[in-house]
Protein backbone atom coordinates (compact mmCIF):
# COMPACT_ATOMS: atom_id res chain seq x y z
CA MET A 1 0.02 -0.15 0.23
CA THR A 2 1.63 3.41 -0.88
CA THR A 3 0.75 6.42 1.20
CA SER A 4 -0.48 9.38 -0.16
CA VAL A 5 1.59 12.73 0.55
CA ALA A 6 0.48 16.01 -0.75
CA TYR A 7 3.39 18.78 -1.14
CA THR A 8 3.88 21.86 -3.22
CA PRO A 9 7.30 23.21 -3.82
CA ILE A 10 7.84 26.72 -3.13
CA VAL A 11 8.43 28.72 -6.28
CA ASP A 12 10.97 30.79 -7.50
CA ARG A 13 13.30 29.47 -4.49
CA GLN A 14 16.39 27.70 -4.82
CA HIS A 15 18.23 26.23 -1.66
CA TYR A 16 22.29 25.06 -1.72
CA ILE A 17 24.22 23.75 0.98
CA VAL A 18 27.78 22.93 1.12
CA PRO A 19 28.78 20.34 3.87
CA MET A 20 31.83 20.80 5.91
CA ARG A 21 33.31 20.22 9.03
CA MET A 22 32.67 22.84 11.90
CA SER A 23 36.49 23.72 12.25
CA SER A 24 36.68 24.95 8.92
CA ILE A 25 33.75 27.83 9.07
CA VAL A 26 34.98 31.30 9.24
CA LEU A 27 31.77 33.03 10.14
CA GLU A 28 33.80 36.40 8.94
CA ASP A 29 33.22 34.79 5.72
CA ALA A 30 29.23 35.30 5.44
CA ALA A 31 29.55 38.97 6.52
CA ILE A 32 31.92 40.13 3.95
CA ALA A 33 30.12 38.44 1.00
CA ALA A 34 26.91 40.28 2.22
CA ALA A 35 28.55 43.43 3.06
CA ASN A 36 30.05 43.56 -0.51
CA GLN A 37 26.34 43.13 -1.76
CA GLY A 38 27.23 39.64 -3.11
CA ALA A 39 30.16 40.85 -5.33
CA LEU A 40 32.18 37.92 -3.51
CA LEU A 41 28.97 36.06 -2.91
CA SER A 42 30.14 33.32 -5.73
CA ASP A 43 33.60 33.07 -3.70
CA TRP A 44 31.30 32.12 -0.77
CA MET A 45 29.29 29.70 -3.09
CA ASP A 46 29.52 29.11 -6.58
CA VAL A 47 25.97 27.59 -7.72
CA SER A 48 27.41 27.41 -11.39
CA SER A 49 27.91 24.12 -11.00
CA VAL A 50 25.79 22.04 -8.61
CA ILE A 51 25.45 18.52 -7.31
CA SER A 52 21.97 16.73 -7.90
CA GLY A 53 19.90 13.87 -8.69
CA VAL A 54 20.47 10.29 -7.52
CA LYS A 55 24.02 9.58 -6.98
CA ALA A 56 25.71 7.25 -4.14
CA VAL A 57 27.32 8.89 -0.97
CA THR A 58 29.56 7.02 0.98
CA TYR A 59 31.71 7.93 3.80
CA SER A 60 34.90 6.45 5.73
CA GLY A 61 36.84 7.11 8.70
CA SER A 62 36.46 9.36 11.68
CA GLY A 63 37.63 12.15 13.28
CA SER A 64 40.29 13.80 11.16
CA THR A 65 40.16 10.95 8.88
CA PHE A 66 36.59 11.31 8.32
CA GLU A 67 35.63 12.03 4.50
CA VAL A 68 33.06 11.42 1.88
CA PHE A 69 32.45 10.37 -1.32
CA ILE A 70 29.58 11.65 -4.01
CA ALA A 71 29.09 9.11 -7.07
CA PRO A 72 32.40 7.46 -6.14
CA GLU A 73 34.29 5.14 -8.80
CA THR A 74 37.58 3.10 -8.66
CA PHE A 75 40.29 3.06 -10.86
CA THR A 76 43.62 1.02 -10.86
CA ILE A 77 46.97 2.50 -11.01
CA THR A 78 49.44 0.74 -13.24
CA ASN A 79 52.36 3.85 -13.47
CA VAL A 80 53.34 6.75 -11.15
CA ALA A 81 55.86 9.53 -12.32
CA ARG A 82 56.30 13.03 -10.73
CA ALA A 83 58.04 15.94 -12.55
CA THR A 84 58.49 19.63 -11.12
CA GLY A 85 55.84 19.01 -8.91
CA VAL A 86 53.43 17.65 -10.96
CA VAL A 87 52.38 13.74 -10.50
CA THR A 88 51.24 11.60 -13.82
CA LEU A 89 49.27 8.53 -13.05
CA THR A 90 48.45 5.67 -15.36
CA PHE A 91 45.26 4.09 -14.96
CA SER A 92 44.50 0.22 -16.30
CA ALA A 93 41.20 1.98 -17.56
CA ASN A 94 40.10 5.13 -19.36
CA PRO A 95 38.82 7.90 -16.81
CA THR A 96 37.81 10.33 -19.45
CA GLY A 97 33.80 11.19 -18.84
CA LYS A 98 34.05 9.82 -15.29
CA ILE A 99 36.57 12.27 -13.65
CA ALA A 100 37.14 15.97 -14.93
CA VAL A 101 39.42 18.78 -14.34
CA GLY A 102 38.68 20.27 -11.09
CA ASP A 103 37.49 17.09 -9.46
CA PHE A 104 38.89 15.85 -6.31
CA VAL A 105 40.22 12.15 -6.09
CA LYS A 106 41.61 9.98 -3.22
CA VAL A 107 44.72 8.24 -4.26
CA ALA A 108 46.50 5.30 -2.66
CA ALA A 109 49.20 4.09 -4.39
CA THR A 110 51.01 1.08 -2.71
CA THR A 111 54.88 1.70 -3.32
CA ASN A 112 55.18 5.43 -4.07
CA THR A 113 53.31 6.33 -1.07
CA SER A 114 54.25 10.02 -1.16
CA VAL A 115 52.00 10.75 -4.13
CA ASN A 116 49.00 9.86 -1.72
CA GLY A 117 46.31 11.88 -0.55
CA THR A 118 42.84 13.97 -1.49
CA VAL A 119 43.91 16.02 -4.24
CA GLU A 120 42.42 17.92 -7.27
CA VAL A 121 42.61 16.84 -11.03
CA LYS A 122 44.76 19.36 -13.07
CA THR A 123 44.48 17.24 -15.95
CA VAL A 124 42.25 14.14 -17.48
CA THR A 125 43.87 12.11 -20.31
CA SER A 126 42.43 8.54 -21.78
CA THR A 127 45.27 6.94 -19.88
CA GLY A 128 44.92 8.73 -16.56
CA ILE A 129 45.43 12.23 -14.67
CA THR A 130 47.79 14.82 -13.54
CA TYR A 131 47.61 16.76 -10.24
CA ASP A 132 50.01 19.07 -8.29
CA LEU A 133 51.64 17.80 -5.38
CA ALA A 134 55.19 18.82 -4.49
CA GLY A 135 58.04 16.20 -3.90
CA SER A 136 61.03 14.56 -5.34
CA ASN A 137 61.04 13.95 -8.94
CA ILE A 138 60.31 10.33 -9.86
CA THR A 139 61.29 8.85 -13.01
CA ALA A 140 57.94 6.65 -14.40
CA VAL A 141 57.62 3.45 -12.63
CA ALA A 142 55.25 1.01 -12.38
CA ASP A 143 53.21 1.13 -9.26
CA THR A 144 49.68 -0.42 -7.98
CA GLY A 145 47.02 1.01 -5.68
CA SER A 146 43.65 2.95 -6.59
CA VAL A 147 42.51 6.15 -7.55
CA THR A 148 38.66 6.98 -6.06
CA SER A 149 36.56 9.67 -7.87
CA GLY A 150 34.09 11.65 -6.16
CA ALA A 151 36.08 12.65 -3.27
CA TYR A 152 33.93 15.63 -1.46
CA PRO A 153 36.65 17.92 0.60
CA LEU A 154 34.49 19.17 4.02
CA ASP A 155 36.54 22.32 3.90
CA GLY A 156 33.35 24.57 2.77
CA ASN A 157 35.08 25.15 -1.08
CA SER A 158 33.61 22.37 -2.48
CA LYS A 159 30.80 22.04 -4.88
CA PRO A 160 27.20 23.20 -3.48
CA ILE A 161 24.46 20.15 -3.19
CA MET A 162 20.99 21.51 -4.04
CA LEU A 163 17.79 20.88 -1.90
CA ASN A 164 14.81 19.64 -4.14
CA ASN A 165 11.29 20.26 -3.69
CA ILE A 166 11.40 22.50 -0.64
CA THR A 167 7.91 23.43 0.71
CA GLY A 168 9.08 25.80 3.18
CA ALA A 169 12.26 27.16 5.06
CA PRO A 170 10.94 29.81 7.36
CA PHE A 171 13.33 31.17 9.78
CA SER A 172 12.86 32.40 13.44
CA THR A 173 14.79 34.16 16.04
CA SER A 174 14.57 33.82 19.73
CA THR A 175 16.39 36.84 21.87
CA ASN A 176 18.07 36.14 25.19
CA THR A 177 17.77 39.46 27.57
CA GLU A 178 18.66 40.41 30.97
CA SER A 179 17.79 42.84 33.14
CA VAL A 180 20.68 45.15 34.18
CA ILE A 181 20.67 47.43 37.70
CA THR A 182 21.81 51.15 36.64
CA ASP A 183 20.79 54.82 36.88
CA ASP A 184 18.84 55.50 33.73
CA ALA A 185 18.19 58.79 33.24
CA ALA A 186 15.79 58.22 29.98
CA THR A 187 13.48 56.22 31.89
CA LEU A 188 13.76 57.24 35.10
CA GLY A 189 14.37 53.65 36.12
CA ASN A 190 17.38 51.50 37.70
CA ALA A 191 16.78 48.47 35.55
CA VAL A 192 17.17 48.37 31.92
CA THR A 193 16.81 44.70 29.85
CA VAL A 194 19.72 44.67 27.56
CA ALA A 195 19.79 41.79 24.77
CA LEU A 196 22.73 39.78 25.30
CA THR A 197 22.60 36.75 22.41
CA ASP A 198 19.96 35.60 19.85
CA SER A 199 19.39 32.16 18.19
CA ARG A 200 17.65 31.51 14.84
CA THR A 201 16.58 28.17 13.07
CA ALA A 202 14.82 27.21 10.04
CA ALA A 203 12.50 24.59 9.90
CA VAL A 204 13.24 23.01 6.62
CA LYS A 205 10.26 20.98 4.95
CA GLY A 206 10.19 19.29 1.93
CA MET A 207 9.92 16.09 -0.37
CA THR A 208 13.13 14.30 -2.04
CA VAL A 209 13.98 11.69 -4.22
CA HIS A 210 14.85 8.21 -2.44
CA ARG A 211 18.58 7.88 -2.98
CA GLY A 212 18.78 11.33 -3.83
CA VAL A 213 22.36 13.03 -3.10
CA ASP A 214 20.26 15.58 -0.68
CA HIS A 215 18.37 12.98 0.74
CA LYS A 216 21.54 11.13 1.59
CA ILE A 217 23.80 14.19 2.72
CA MET A 218 21.12 14.90 5.31
CA GLN A 219 20.91 11.20 6.65
CA LEU A 220 24.83 11.53 6.63
CA PHE A 221 24.60 14.93 9.08
CA ASP A 222 21.87 13.10 11.18
CA ALA A 223 23.98 10.16 11.75
CA PHE A 224 27.49 11.68 11.89
CA GLY A 225 26.65 15.66 12.61
CA THR A 226 27.16 15.68 16.13
CA SER A 227 30.26 13.17 16.47
CA GLU A 228 32.38 14.32 13.38
CA GLN A 229 31.45 17.73 13.64
CA LEU A 230 29.69 18.88 10.51
CA ALA A 231 28.18 21.75 9.74
CA PHE A 232 26.93 23.64 6.57
CA LYS A 233 26.99 26.36 4.48
CA TYR A 234 23.30 27.53 3.64
CA LEU A 235 22.29 29.77 0.85
CA ARG A 236 18.75 30.58 -0.30
CA VAL A 237 18.03 32.54 -3.73
CA GLY A 238 14.67 34.08 -4.69
CA PRO A 239 11.63 34.54 -4.75
CA GLY A 240 11.30 35.36 -8.28
CA GLY A 241 10.90 39.40 -9.16
CA THR A 242 14.07 39.92 -6.69
CA SER A 243 17.36 38.93 -6.28
CA GLU A 244 17.10 38.21 -2.83
CA LYS A 245 19.86 35.74 -1.44
CA LEU A 246 19.95 34.70 2.28
CA LEU A 247 22.97 33.06 3.49
CA CYS A 248 24.42 31.45 6.73
CA TYR A 249 26.01 28.92 8.27
CA ALA A 250 24.03 26.59 10.11
CA GLN A 251 24.18 22.83 11.69
CA LEU A 252 21.51 20.41 11.38
CA SER A 253 19.81 19.41 15.11
CA SER A 254 17.08 17.45 13.85
CA ILE A 255 15.60 15.95 10.74
CA SER A 256 12.20 13.64 10.90
CA GLU A 257 10.72 11.29 7.65
CA ASP A 258 7.15 11.57 7.46
CA GLY A 259 5.67 9.60 5.07
CA ASP A 260 6.30 8.91 1.86
CA SER A 261 4.75 8.26 -2.06
CA GLY A 262 6.07 6.20 -4.33
CA THR A 263 10.14 7.08 -4.73
CA LEU A 264 9.18 10.21 -2.47
CA GLN A 265 10.25 11.05 0.50
CA LYS A 266 8.79 13.73 2.90
CA PHE A 267 10.85 15.26 5.70
CA ASN A 268 10.98 17.92 8.08
CA ALA A 269 14.24 19.52 9.25
CA THR A 270 15.77 22.07 11.90
CA MET A 271 18.93 23.75 11.59
CA THR A 272 20.58 26.35 13.80
CA VAL A 273 22.25 28.99 12.39
CA LEU A 274 25.80 29.52 13.84
CA GLY A 275 26.71 33.32 13.62
CA ARG A 276 24.43 35.41 11.98
CA THR A 277 22.07 35.35 8.55
CA TYR A 278 22.56 37.82 6.15
CA LYS A 279 20.20 39.01 3.14
CA ILE A 280 21.10 40.68 -0.14
CA PHE A 281 18.47 42.62 -1.93
CA ASP A 282 18.50 43.39 -5.58
CA ASN A 283 14.68 44.86 -6.51
CA THR A 284 15.67 45.42 -9.94
CA ALA A 285 15.71 42.03 -11.19
CA ALA A 286 13.62 40.95 -13.44
């Protein structure tokens, strides 16, 4: 029996997240992007190439070794070389169409371990890849090991993941105050309420596709957000008629699945804003 779940996505709004380690957050970066009226927003989050759709998501390690892979594929290394800080790896299979320039991959060579690590691909050919990594030159030599594609560095600079079919994401603010005893000439009183801190949350609701990358990332946050200290950048764009943009850092504080309909999964998630939220407006947009 299939449960019928009604939902209506928000029109003309897009939602993006970039998963990251909390230790990589620099709260001032969001303030700088907003203060420049969005001129630096693409540096803070570049939405020109988002990750979306049904993709495999895997993870490994814990603590400083915790890492995430999106749509990973494994290639076998047959040869290793390095000249003037550029490593060339030869594969047993053609990686073109599966690895692209700018992608991150995890290299695990068996013998020449100095070329190992999570690296950004510089070039791709039908025989392998190159990337920058300082070290002693290595004359082309046979090696074994593997290269895993789809590595997703949790440094805040990775490609954004689009949250699809969001039906609502209202923000709420709670301000904590305290009465301070003082002589106040303006109010002729001796107790003034001072705002000390405020907290913001957003109740994100929507419908995601089973096995969708956004669904899997949220499940990952639910399972490891606290133990691995994971957070994310959040960007909301729209609605139509303006280019309003809301940006902040946040941490997933709760998530629940609320019924399903066929291949769709309804969910409710609460995120707690870290620092402030910022809005950028351009009411001249078409």
